Each structure stands twice: as structure tokens, then as C-alpha cells.
């Protein structure tokens, strides 16, 4: 079972059954389109990402020494730095 959309598309592209039944040219064309869609999807910032990280970056914009804020934030609301 594929673990991601990209893995599923790669599986389709390499599947001999579909390459034979749908023709290799169609499968190559279709998987190219799907990979392009995945690239566009992954390049978008989602509403969840805006909510999740806006608190972190809002604090960074207000203070010239942002690293101090990162060490004080809870990991649930912001990523932690090493």
C-alpha cells in the first residue's frame, strides 16, 4: 500500500498491468500530470500551517532577537530548535 500520493503515482507508472491495458503513453502522460499537481499542492501553504506557525513568526517580527522567543515557546505551538 502506498504511503503517499507520490508513491501511489509511482506505483501506477511502474505497473505492467495498467501500462499494458491503458497503454504506456497514456500512463506516462497521466502520471506526469498527477506529479505536477502534487508539486503544486506541496508548494501551497495550508490553513493549518498558517494557524500552527503564525504565533511563532508573529513574535519573531516584533523582536529583533527572535531566538529568545523560540526557546520560550511550547513545542505544541511552535517547533523546537536544537
PDB file of N, CA and C in Angstrom:
ATOM      1  N   UNK A   1       0.838  -1.177   0.000  1.00  0.00           N
ATOM      2  CA  UNK A   1       0.000   0.000   0.000  1.00  0.00           C
ATOM      3  C   UNK A   1       0.889   1.248   0.000  1.00  0.00           C
ATOM      4  N   UNK A   2       0.655   2.199  -0.902  1.00  0.00           N
ATOM      5  CA  UNK A   2       1.482   3.412  -0.943  1.00  0.00           C
ATOM      6  C   UNK A   2       1.300   4.264   0.307  1.00  0.00           C
ATOM      7  N   UNK A   3       2.379   4.919   0.713  1.00  0.00           N
ATOM      8  CA  UNK A   3       2.345   5.754   1.911  1.00  0.00           C
ATOM      9  C   UNK A   3       2.104   7.224   1.582  1.00  0.00           C
ATOM     10  N   UNK A   4       2.112   7.587   0.316  1.00  0.00           N
ATOM     11  CA  UNK A   4       1.890   8.975  -0.078  1.00  0.00           C
ATOM     12  C   UNK A   4       1.275   9.008  -1.480  1.00  0.00           C
ATOM     13  N   UNK A   5       0.781  10.186  -1.844  1.00  0.00           N
ATOM     14  CA  UNK A   5       0.258  10.352  -3.202  1.00  0.00           C
ATOM     15  C   UNK A   5       1.342  10.084  -4.238  1.00  0.00           C
ATOM     16  N   UNK A   6       2.534  10.596  -3.976  1.00  0.00           N
ATOM     17  CA  UNK A   6       3.633  10.406  -4.931  1.00  0.00           C
ATOM     18  C   UNK A   6       3.983   8.925  -5.080  1.00  0.00           C
ATOM     19  N   UNK A   7       3.965   8.179  -3.976  1.00  0.00           N
ATOM     20  CA  UNK A   7       4.218   6.733  -4.059  1.00  0.00           C
ATOM     21  C   UNK A   7       3.139   6.030  -4.881  1.00  0.00           C
ATOM     22  N   UNK A   8       1.894   6.463  -4.724  1.00  0.00           N
ATOM     23  CA  UNK A   8       0.794   5.865  -5.483  1.00  0.00           C
ATOM     24  C   UNK A   8       0.958   6.137  -6.981  1.00  0.00           C
ATOM     25  N   UNK A   9       1.337   7.355  -7.325  1.00  0.00           N
ATOM     26  CA  UNK A   9       1.542   7.696  -8.732  1.00  0.00           C
ATOM     27  C   UNK A   9       2.718   6.908  -9.303  1.00  0.00           C
ATOM     28  N   UNK A  10       3.780   6.776  -8.529  1.00  0.00           N
ATOM     29  CA  UNK A  10       4.935   5.989  -8.987  1.00  0.00           C
ATOM     30  C   UNK A  10       4.537   4.527  -9.184  1.00  0.00           C
ATOM     31  N   UNK A  11       3.705   4.006  -8.291  1.00  0.00           N
ATOM     32  CA  UNK A  11       3.240   2.635  -8.434  1.00  0.00           C
ATOM     33  C   UNK A  11       2.426   2.443  -9.700  1.00  0.00           C
ATOM     34  N   UNK A  12       1.577   3.397 -10.008  1.00  0.00           N
ATOM     35  CA  UNK A  12       0.790   3.329 -11.246  1.00  0.00           C
ATOM     36  C   UNK A  12       1.706   3.370 -12.461  1.00  0.00           C
ATOM     37  N   UNK A  13       2.665   4.270 -12.432  1.00  0.00           N
ATOM     38  CA  UNK A  13       3.573   4.419 -13.582  1.00  0.00           C
ATOM     39  C   UNK A  13       4.348   3.139 -13.856  1.00  0.00           C
ATOM     40  N   UNK A  14       4.702   2.416 -12.805  1.00  0.00           N
ATOM     41  CA  UNK A  14       5.512   1.200 -12.961  1.00  0.00           C
ATOM     42  C   UNK A  14       4.684  -0.076 -13.083  1.00  0.00           C
ATOM     43  N   UNK A  15       3.370   0.010 -13.012  1.00  0.00           N
ATOM     44  CA  UNK A  15       2.526  -1.189 -13.021  1.00  0.00           C
ATOM     45  C   UNK A  15       2.362  -1.737 -14.434  1.00  0.00           C
ATOM     46  N   UNK A  16       2.846  -2.950 -14.700  1.00  0.00           N
ATOM     47  CA  UNK A  16       2.763  -3.505 -16.055  1.00  0.00           C
ATOM     48  C   UNK A  16       1.319  -3.728 -16.526  1.00  0.00           C
ATOM     49  N   UNK A  17       0.411  -4.043 -15.605  1.00  0.00           N
ATOM     50  CA  UNK A  17      -0.983  -4.266 -15.985  1.00  0.00           C
ATOM     51  C   UNK A  17      -1.584  -2.997 -16.600  1.00  0.00           C
ATOM     52  N   UNK A  18      -1.450  -1.877 -15.886  1.00  0.00           N
ATOM     53  CA  UNK A  18      -2.018  -0.625 -16.384  1.00  0.00           C
ATOM     54  C   UNK A  18      -1.270  -0.112 -17.615  1.00  0.00           C
ATOM     55  N   UNK A  19       0.037  -0.307 -17.650  1.00  0.00           N
ATOM     56  CA  UNK A  19       0.806   0.117 -18.820  1.00  0.00           C
ATOM     57  C   UNK A  19       0.357  -0.650 -20.061  1.00  0.00           C
ATOM     58  N   UNK A  20      -0.014  -1.896 -19.860  1.00  0.00           N
ATOM     59  CA  UNK A  20      -0.488  -2.709 -20.989  1.00  0.00           C
ATOM     60  C   UNK A  20      -1.934  -2.349 -21.354  1.00  0.00           C
ATOM     61  N   UNK A  21      -2.823  -2.314 -20.380  1.00  0.00           N
ATOM     62  CA  UNK A  21      -4.254  -2.112 -20.651  1.00  0.00           C
ATOM     63  C   UNK A  21      -4.587  -0.674 -21.063  1.00  0.00           C
ATOM     64  N   UNK A  22      -3.939   0.294 -20.438  1.00  0.00           N
ATOM     65  CA  UNK A  22      -4.230   1.701 -20.746  1.00  0.00           C
ATOM     66  C   UNK A  22      -3.249   2.300 -21.752  1.00  0.00           C
ATOM     67  N   UNK A  23      -2.231   1.564 -22.067  1.00  0.00           N
ATOM     68  CA  UNK A  23      -1.127   1.950 -22.950  1.00  0.00           C
ATOM     69  C   UNK A  23      -0.120   2.803 -22.176  1.00  0.00           C
ATOM     70  N   UNK A  24       1.130   2.507 -22.409  1.00  0.00           N
ATOM     71  CA  UNK A  24       2.221   3.164 -21.695  1.00  0.00           C
ATOM     72  C   UNK A  24       2.210   4.675 -21.903  1.00  0.00           C
ATOM     73  N   UNK A  25       1.876   5.128 -23.108  1.00  0.00           N
ATOM     74  CA  UNK A  25       1.875   6.562 -23.395  1.00  0.00           C
ATOM     75  C   UNK A  25       0.859   7.297 -22.521  1.00  0.00           C
ATOM     76  N   UNK A  26      -0.332   6.688 -22.358  1.00  0.00           N
ATOM     77  CA  UNK A  26      -1.349   7.318 -21.520  1.00  0.00           C
ATOM     78  C   UNK A  26      -0.914   7.339 -20.055  1.00  0.00           C
ATOM     79  N   UNK A  27      -0.379   6.229 -19.562  1.00  0.00           N
ATOM     80  CA  UNK A  27       0.053   6.156 -18.166  1.00  0.00           C
ATOM     81  C   UNK A  27       1.151   7.177 -17.904  1.00  0.00           C
ATOM     82  N   UNK A  28       2.102   7.311 -18.829  1.00  0.00           N
ATOM     83  CA  UNK A  28       3.172   8.300 -18.665  1.00  0.00           C
ATOM     84  C   UNK A  28       2.608   9.724 -18.644  1.00  0.00           C
ATOM     85  N   UNK A  29       1.672  10.005 -19.534  1.00  0.00           N
ATOM     86  CA  UNK A  29       1.045  11.325 -19.585  1.00  0.00           C
ATOM     87  C   UNK A  29       0.258  11.603 -18.302  1.00  0.00           C
ATOM     88  N   UNK A  30      -0.557  10.651 -17.887  1.00  0.00           N
ATOM     89  CA  UNK A  30      -1.400  10.808 -16.703  1.00  0.00           C
ATOM     90  C   UNK A  30      -0.550  10.988 -15.445  1.00  0.00           C
ATOM     91  N   UNK A  31       0.490  10.167 -15.291  1.00  0.00           N
ATOM     92  CA  UNK A  31       1.324  10.269 -14.086  1.00  0.00           C
ATOM     93  C   UNK A  31       2.142  11.562 -14.091  1.00  0.00           C
ATOM     94  N   UNK A  32       2.505  12.050 -15.266  1.00  0.00           N
ATOM     95  CA  UNK A  32       3.194  13.347 -15.340  1.00  0.00           C
ATOM     96  C   UNK A  32       2.266  14.454 -14.822  1.00  0.00           C
ATOM     97  N   UNK A  33       1.014  14.434 -15.268  1.00  0.00           N
ATOM     98  CA  UNK A  33       0.037  15.426 -14.809  1.00  0.00           C
ATOM     99  C   UNK A  33      -0.159  15.323 -13.300  1.00  0.00           C
ATOM    100  N   UNK A  34      -0.286  14.112 -12.788  1.00  0.00           N
ATOM    101  CA  UNK A  34      -0.508  13.926 -11.342  1.00  0.00           C
ATOM    102  C   UNK A  34       0.703  14.396 -10.541  1.00  0.00           C
ATOM    103  N   UNK A  35       1.911  14.122 -11.012  1.00  0.00           N
ATOM    104  CA  UNK A  35       3.104  14.599 -10.300  1.00  0.00           C
ATOM    105  C   UNK A  35       3.177  16.118 -10.311  1.00  0.00           C
ATOM    106  N   UNK A  36       2.756  16.738 -11.393  1.00  0.00           N
ATOM    107  CA  UNK A  36       2.709  18.202 -11.453  1.00  0.00           C
ATOM    108  C   UNK A  36       1.686  18.746 -10.461  1.00  0.00           C
ATOM    109  N   UNK A  37       0.534  18.091 -10.361  1.00  0.00           N
ATOM    110  CA  UNK A  37      -0.476  18.501  -9.377  1.00  0.00           C
ATOM    111  C   UNK A  37       0.051  18.357  -7.952  1.00  0.00           C
ATOM    112  N   UNK A  38       0.751  17.260  -7.677  1.00  0.00           N
ATOM    113  CA  UNK A  38       1.322  17.054  -6.341  1.00  0.00           C
ATOM    114  C   UNK A  38       2.339  18.147  -6.024  1.00  0.00           C
ATOM    115  N   UNK A  39       3.176  18.493  -6.998  1.00  0.00           N
ATOM    116  CA  UNK A  39       4.151  19.575  -6.793  1.00  0.00           C
ATOM    117  C   UNK A  39       3.450  20.885  -6.444  1.00  0.00           C
ATOM    118  N   UNK A  40       2.370  21.197  -7.161  1.00  0.00           N
ATOM    119  CA  UNK A  40       1.629  22.427  -6.867  1.00  0.00           C
ATOM    120  C   UNK A  40       0.986  22.358  -5.490  1.00  0.00           C
ATOM    121  N   UNK A  41       0.422  21.211  -5.154  1.00  0.00           N
ATOM    122  CA  UNK A  41      -0.192  21.034  -3.836  1.00  0.00           C
ATOM    123  C   UNK A  41       0.825  21.247  -2.723  1.00  0.00           C
ATOM    124  N   UNK A  42       1.994  20.655  -2.873  1.00  0.00           N
ATOM    125  CA  UNK A  42       3.012  20.750  -1.822  1.00  0.00           C
ATOM    126  C   UNK A  42       3.660  22.126  -1.744  1.00  0.00           C
ATOM    127  N   UNK A  43       3.514  22.931  -2.781  1.00  0.00           N
ATOM    128  CA  UNK A  43       4.094  24.271  -2.745  1.00  0.00           C
ATOM    129  C   UNK A  43       3.169  25.286  -2.080  1.00  0.00           C
ATOM    130  N   UNK A  44       1.931  24.908  -1.796  1.00  0.00           N
ATOM    131  CA  UNK A  44       0.962  25.797  -1.160  1.00  0.00           C
ATOM    132  C   UNK A  44       1.105  25.766   0.363  1.00  0.00           C
ATOM    133  N   UNK A  45       0.870  26.893   0.986  1.00  0.00           N
ATOM    134  CA  UNK A  45       0.823  26.956   2.443  1.00  0.00           C
ATOM    135  C   UNK A  45      -0.636  26.747   2.846  1.00  0.00           C
ATOM    136  N   UNK A  46      -0.874  25.753   3.671  1.00  0.00           N
ATOM    137  CA  UNK A  46      -2.248  25.413   4.050  1.00  0.00           C
ATOM    138  C   UNK A  46      -2.747  26.278   5.203  1.00  0.00           C
ATOM    139  N   UNK A  47      -4.062  26.259   5.407  1.00  0.00           N
ATOM    140  CA  UNK A  47      -4.645  26.972   6.551  1.00  0.00           C
ATOM    141  C   UNK A  47      -4.085  26.437   7.862  1.00  0.00           C
ATOM    142  N   UNK A  48      -3.880  25.129   7.948  1.00  0.00           N
ATOM    143  CA  UNK A  48      -3.319  24.528   9.160  1.00  0.00           C
ATOM    144  C   UNK A  48      -1.923  25.090   9.424  1.00  0.00           C
ATOM    145  N   UNK A  49      -1.092  25.191   8.393  1.00  0.00           N
ATOM    146  CA  UNK A  49       0.258  25.731   8.580  1.00  0.00           C
ATOM    147  C   UNK A  49       0.208  27.189   9.035  1.00  0.00           C
ATOM    148  N   UNK A  50      -0.707  27.957   8.466  1.00  0.00           N
ATOM    149  CA  UNK A  50      -0.853  29.348   8.906  1.00  0.00           C
ATOM    150  C   UNK A  50      -1.191  29.402  10.394  1.00  0.00           C
ATOM    151  N   UNK A  51      -2.162  28.612  10.819  1.00  0.00           N
ATOM    152  CA  UNK A  51      -2.557  28.614  12.237  1.00  0.00           C
ATOM    153  C   UNK A  51      -1.424  28.099  13.125  1.00  0.00           C
ATOM    154  N   UNK A  52      -0.785  27.036  12.697  1.00  0.00           N
ATOM    155  CA  UNK A  52       0.235  26.376  13.518  1.00  0.00           C
ATOM    156  C   UNK A  52       1.452  27.271  13.760  1.00  0.00           C
ATOM    157  N   UNK A  53       1.895  27.962  12.716  1.00  0.00           N
ATOM    158  CA  UNK A  53       3.156  28.682  12.812  1.00  0.00           C
ATOM    159  C   UNK A  53       3.027  30.200  12.926  1.00  0.00           C
ATOM    160  N   UNK A  54       1.839  30.741  12.771  1.00  0.00           N
ATOM    161  CA  UNK A  54       1.704  32.193  12.811  1.00  0.00           C
ATOM    162  C   UNK A  54       2.114  32.768  14.159  1.00  0.00           C
ATOM    163  N   UNK A  55       1.838  32.062  15.235  1.00  0.00           N
ATOM    164  CA  UNK A  55       2.228  32.530  16.566  1.00  0.00           C
ATOM    165  C   UNK A  55       3.739  32.688  16.663  1.00  0.00           C
ATOM    166  N   UNK A  56       4.457  31.730  16.143  1.00  0.00           N
ATOM    167  CA  UNK A  56       5.924  31.788  16.187  1.00  0.00           C
ATOM    168  C   UNK A  56       6.455  32.994  15.426  1.00  0.00           C
ATOM    169  N   UNK A  57       5.985  33.134  14.196  1.00  0.00           N
ATOM    170  CA  UNK A  57       6.533  34.170  13.343  1.00  0.00           C
ATOM    171  C   UNK A  57       6.035  35.561  13.708  1.00  0.00           C
ATOM    172  N   UNK A  58       4.875  35.646  14.311  1.00  0.00           N
ATOM    173  CA  UNK A  58       4.393  36.948  14.786  1.00  0.00           C
ATOM    174  C   UNK A  58       5.326  37.463  15.872  1.00  0.00           C
ATOM    175  N   UNK A  59       5.759  36.607  16.755  1.00  0.00           N
ATOM    176  CA  UNK A  59       6.680  37.023  17.809  1.00  0.00           C
ATOM    177  C   UNK A  59       8.040  37.397  17.236  1.00  0.00           C
ATOM    178  N   UNK A  60       8.483  36.690  16.228  1.00  0.00           N
ATOM    179  CA  UNK A  60       9.775  36.991  15.610  1.00  0.00           C
ATOM    180  C   UNK A  60       9.749  38.371  14.972  1.00  0.00           C
ATOM    181  N   UNK A  61       8.634  38.727  14.343  1.00  0.00           N
ATOM    182  CA  UNK A  61       8.529  40.037  13.692  1.00  0.00           C
ATOM    183  C   UNK A  61       8.590  41.185  14.692  1.00  0.00           C
ATOM    184  N   UNK A  62       8.146  40.967  15.915  1.00  0.00           N
ATOM    185  CA  UNK A  62       8.092  42.049  16.904  1.00  0.00           C
ATOM    186  C   UNK A  62       9.401  42.249  17.646  1.00  0.00           C
ATOM    187  N   UNK A  63      10.291  41.288  17.592  1.00  0.00           N
ATOM    188  CA  UNK A  63      11.505  41.374  18.414  1.00  0.00           C
ATOM    189  C   UNK A  63      12.747  41.176  17.565  1.00  0.00           C
ATOM    190  N   UNK A  64      13.746  42.019  17.729  1.00  0.00           N
ATOM    191  CA  UNK A  64      14.974  41.867  16.935  1.00  0.00           C
ATOM    192  C   UNK A  64      15.815  40.653  17.346  1.00  0.00           C
ATOM    193  N   UNK A  65      15.515  40.063  18.479  1.00  0.00           N
ATOM    194  CA  UNK A  65      16.252  38.879  18.943  1.00  0.00           C
ATOM    195  C   UNK A  65      15.292  37.687  19.008  1.00  0.00           C
ATOM    196  N   UNK A  66      14.867  37.156  17.868  1.00  0.00           N
ATOM    197  CA  UNK A  66      13.808  36.148  17.849  1.00  0.00           C
ATOM    198  C   UNK A  66      14.175  34.828  18.516  1.00  0.00           C
ATOM    199  N   UNK A  67      15.423  34.486  18.566  1.00  0.00           N
ATOM    200  CA  UNK A  67      15.790  33.181  19.117  1.00  0.00           C
ATOM    201  C   UNK A  67      15.381  33.045  20.584  1.00  0.00           C
ATOM    202  N   UNK A  68      15.346  34.142  21.302  1.00  0.00           N
ATOM    203  CA  UNK A  68      14.913  34.091  22.701  1.00  0.00           C
ATOM    204  C   UNK A  68      13.467  33.621  22.797  1.00  0.00           C
ATOM    205  N   UNK A  69      12.643  34.038  21.855  1.00  0.00           N
ATOM    206  CA  UNK A  69      11.243  33.605  21.861  1.00  0.00           C
ATOM    207  C   UNK A  69      11.107  32.119  21.581  1.00  0.00           C
ATOM    208  N   UNK A  70      11.885  31.616  20.646  1.00  0.00           N
ATOM    209  CA  UNK A  70      11.775  30.203  20.291  1.00  0.00           C
ATOM    210  C   UNK A  70      12.058  29.299  21.481  1.00  0.00           C
ATOM    211  N   UNK A  71      12.990  29.686  22.311  1.00  0.00           N
ATOM    212  CA  UNK A  71      13.314  28.846  23.463  1.00  0.00           C
ATOM    213  C   UNK A  71      12.206  28.883  24.517  1.00  0.00           C
ATOM    214  N   UNK A  72      11.345  29.891  24.491  1.00  0.00           N
ATOM    215  CA  UNK A  72      10.278  30.017  25.480  1.00  0.00           C
ATOM    216  C   UNK A  72       8.961  29.401  25.035  1.00  0.00           C
ATOM    217  N   UNK A  73       8.795  29.159  23.758  1.00  0.00           N
ATOM    218  CA  UNK A  73       7.521  28.655  23.249  1.00  0.00           C
ATOM    219  C   UNK A  73       7.340  27.171  23.530  1.00  0.00           C
ATOM    220  N   UNK A  74       6.110  26.791  23.742  1.00  0.00           N
ATOM    221  CA  UNK A  74       5.794  25.389  23.944  1.00  0.00           C
ATOM    222  C   UNK A  74       5.886  24.649  22.616  1.00  0.00           C
ATOM    223  N   UNK A  75       6.448  23.433  22.601  1.00  0.00           N
ATOM    224  CA  UNK A  75       6.582  22.681  21.347  1.00  0.00           C
ATOM    225  C   UNK A  75       5.256  22.429  20.634  1.00  0.00           C
ATOM    226  N   UNK A  76       4.159  22.383  21.372  1.00  0.00           N
ATOM    227  CA  UNK A  76       2.854  22.150  20.751  1.00  0.00           C
ATOM    228  C   UNK A  76       2.509  23.276  19.789  1.00  0.00           C
ATOM    229  N   UNK A  77       2.934  24.482  20.098  1.00  0.00           N
ATOM    230  CA  UNK A  77       2.563  25.649  19.307  1.00  0.00           C
ATOM    231  C   UNK A  77       3.641  26.114  18.358  1.00  0.00           C
ATOM    232  N   UNK A  78       4.822  25.589  18.497  1.00  0.00           N
ATOM    233  CA  UNK A  78       5.919  26.031  17.651  1.00  0.00           C
ATOM    234  C   UNK A  78       6.977  24.942  17.635  1.00  0.00           C
ATOM    235  N   UNK A  79       7.741  24.916  16.589  1.00  0.00           N
ATOM    236  CA  UNK A  79       8.795  23.916  16.509  1.00  0.00           C
ATOM    237  C   UNK A  79       9.882  24.223  17.530  1.00  0.00           C
ATOM    238  N   UNK A  80      10.626  23.213  17.932  1.00  0.00           N
ATOM    239  CA  UNK A  80      11.721  23.427  18.878  1.00  0.00           C
ATOM    240  C   UNK A  80      13.034  23.410  18.118  1.00  0.00           C
ATOM    241  N   UNK A  81      13.960  24.207  18.570  1.00  0.00           N
ATOM    242  CA  UNK A  81      15.279  24.267  17.957  1.00  0.00           C
ATOM    243  C   UNK A  81      16.258  23.454  18.791  1.00  0.00           C
ATOM    244  N   UNK A  82      17.269  22.888  18.136  1.00  0.00           N
ATOM    245  CA  UNK A  82      18.265  22.093  18.900  1.00  0.00           C
ATOM    246  C   UNK A  82      19.068  22.947  19.863  1.00  0.00           C
TER     247      UNK A  82
END
